């Protein structure tokens, strides 16, 4: 059995390389979950995930998470988990937000 070698992932470098309005890619997998980096300058649509919680960790900027009950504001270094089946919408609190998102590999996204 061949052991995989650990790889350093530089999120600051990835952020600097992607000035576009929206960028989202998988950085790593951990057991049955994936870790994504998301860069946004515009809101993401209202949606829910029926089969996975979704955790956000803010790296740069401010992330606003709209829920049916109100809006939560996350600053760099803050983390939030949205339980599965909870409608939400994410958007940058300023010009740009860079976040890590952790979710199940087979996460379904339902718009609306």
Protein backbone atom coordinates (compact mmCIF):
# COMPACT_ATOMS: atom_id res chain seq x y z
CA UNK A 1 0.00 0.00 0.00
CA UNK A 2 1.40 3.38 -1.03
CA UNK A 3 1.12 6.18 1.52
CA UNK A 4 0.01 9.57 0.26
CA UNK A 5 2.34 12.42 1.05
CA UNK A 6 0.89 15.45 2.85
CA UNK A 7 0.56 18.54 0.68
CA UNK A 8 0.72 22.12 1.91
CA UNK A 9 -2.14 24.21 0.52
CA UNK A 10 -1.57 27.98 0.51
CA UNK A 11 -5.01 29.61 0.68
CA UNK A 12 -3.54 33.13 0.52
CA UNK A 13 -1.77 32.30 -2.76
CA UNK A 14 -4.95 30.76 -4.20
CA UNK A 15 -6.91 33.85 -3.20
CA UNK A 16 -4.35 36.14 -4.85
CA UNK A 17 -4.43 34.07 -8.06
CA UNK A 18 -8.22 34.40 -8.46
CA UNK A 19 -9.45 37.99 -8.78
CA UNK A 20 -12.62 36.93 -10.62
CA UNK A 21 -16.12 37.55 -9.22
CA UNK A 22 -16.67 33.92 -8.22
CA UNK A 23 -14.30 31.00 -7.74
CA UNK A 24 -14.96 27.71 -5.97
CA UNK A 25 -12.83 24.59 -5.99
CA UNK A 26 -12.08 21.53 -3.85
CA UNK A 27 -8.81 21.84 -1.94
CA UNK A 28 -8.80 18.56 -0.06
CA UNK A 29 -10.84 15.59 1.05
CA UNK A 30 -11.05 14.39 4.64
CA UNK A 31 -12.66 11.00 5.13
CA UNK A 32 -16.08 11.40 3.46
CA UNK A 33 -16.01 15.22 3.42
CA UNK A 34 -14.47 17.83 1.14
CA UNK A 35 -12.88 21.18 1.91
CA UNK A 36 -13.55 23.92 -0.66
CA UNK A 37 -12.26 27.44 -1.04
CA UNK A 38 -14.89 29.91 -2.14
CA UNK A 39 -14.17 33.43 -3.36
CA UNK A 40 -17.20 35.64 -3.92
CA UNK A 41 -18.04 39.22 -4.77
CA UNK A 42 -21.77 38.61 -5.29
CA UNK A 43 -24.46 36.68 -3.38
CA UNK A 44 -24.93 32.96 -3.88
CA UNK A 45 -28.57 31.92 -4.42
CA UNK A 46 -30.92 30.74 -1.65
CA UNK A 47 -30.54 26.99 -1.21
CA UNK A 48 -30.37 24.07 1.21
CA UNK A 49 -28.53 20.77 1.48
CA UNK A 50 -30.83 17.85 2.36
CA UNK A 51 -28.00 15.39 3.05
CA UNK A 52 -25.18 17.39 4.64
CA UNK A 53 -24.38 20.09 7.15
CA UNK A 54 -22.23 22.88 5.70
CA UNK A 55 -19.46 24.60 7.67
CA UNK A 56 -17.98 27.97 6.71
CA UNK A 57 -14.65 29.34 7.96
CA UNK A 58 -13.92 32.91 6.88
CA UNK A 59 -10.36 33.61 5.71
CA UNK A 60 -10.69 37.12 4.23
CA UNK A 61 -13.36 39.79 4.23
CA UNK A 62 -16.77 39.37 5.81
CA UNK A 63 -19.30 36.63 5.05
CA UNK A 64 -22.98 37.32 5.56
CA UNK A 65 -25.17 34.25 5.97
CA UNK A 66 -28.84 34.98 5.45
CA UNK A 67 -31.25 32.61 7.19
CA UNK A 68 -35.03 32.74 7.31
CA UNK A 69 -34.67 34.06 10.88
CA UNK A 70 -32.10 36.80 10.15
CA UNK A 71 -28.52 37.40 9.06
CA UNK A 72 -25.29 36.27 10.72
CA UNK A 73 -22.05 38.14 10.06
CA UNK A 74 -18.76 36.23 10.12
CA UNK A 75 -15.33 37.86 10.31
CA UNK A 76 -11.95 36.28 9.46
CA UNK A 77 -11.23 33.43 11.85
CA UNK A 78 -14.92 32.81 12.62
CA UNK A 79 -16.72 29.59 11.73
CA UNK A 80 -20.37 28.62 11.40
CA UNK A 81 -22.14 25.33 10.69
CA UNK A 82 -25.48 25.36 8.89
CA UNK A 83 -27.46 22.18 9.67
CA UNK A 84 -28.74 20.10 6.75
CA UNK A 85 -32.17 21.14 5.42
CA UNK A 86 -31.77 24.77 6.58
CA UNK A 87 -32.36 27.33 3.81
CA UNK A 88 -29.58 29.89 3.57
CA UNK A 89 -27.91 32.38 1.26
CA UNK A 90 -24.29 33.51 1.51
CA UNK A 91 -22.92 36.85 0.34
CA UNK A 92 -19.85 39.00 0.91
CA UNK A 93 -20.21 41.70 3.56
CA UNK A 94 -17.97 44.00 1.54
CA UNK A 95 -16.36 43.82 -1.87
CA UNK A 96 -14.99 40.27 -1.50
CA UNK A 97 -15.15 37.27 0.81
CA UNK A 98 -12.82 34.25 0.89
CA UNK A 99 -14.02 31.20 2.82
CA UNK A 100 -13.38 27.54 3.42
CA UNK A 101 -16.45 25.33 3.18
CA UNK A 102 -16.57 21.81 4.59
CA UNK A 103 -19.34 19.46 3.48
CA UNK A 104 -20.05 15.84 2.61
CA UNK A 105 -18.52 14.67 -0.70
CA UNK A 106 -21.97 13.79 -2.03
CA UNK A 107 -23.67 17.01 -0.93
CA UNK A 108 -26.86 17.81 -2.82
CA UNK A 109 -27.81 21.45 -3.36
CA UNK A 110 -31.49 22.34 -3.75
CA UNK A 111 -32.18 25.84 -5.06
CA UNK A 112 -34.94 27.96 -3.61
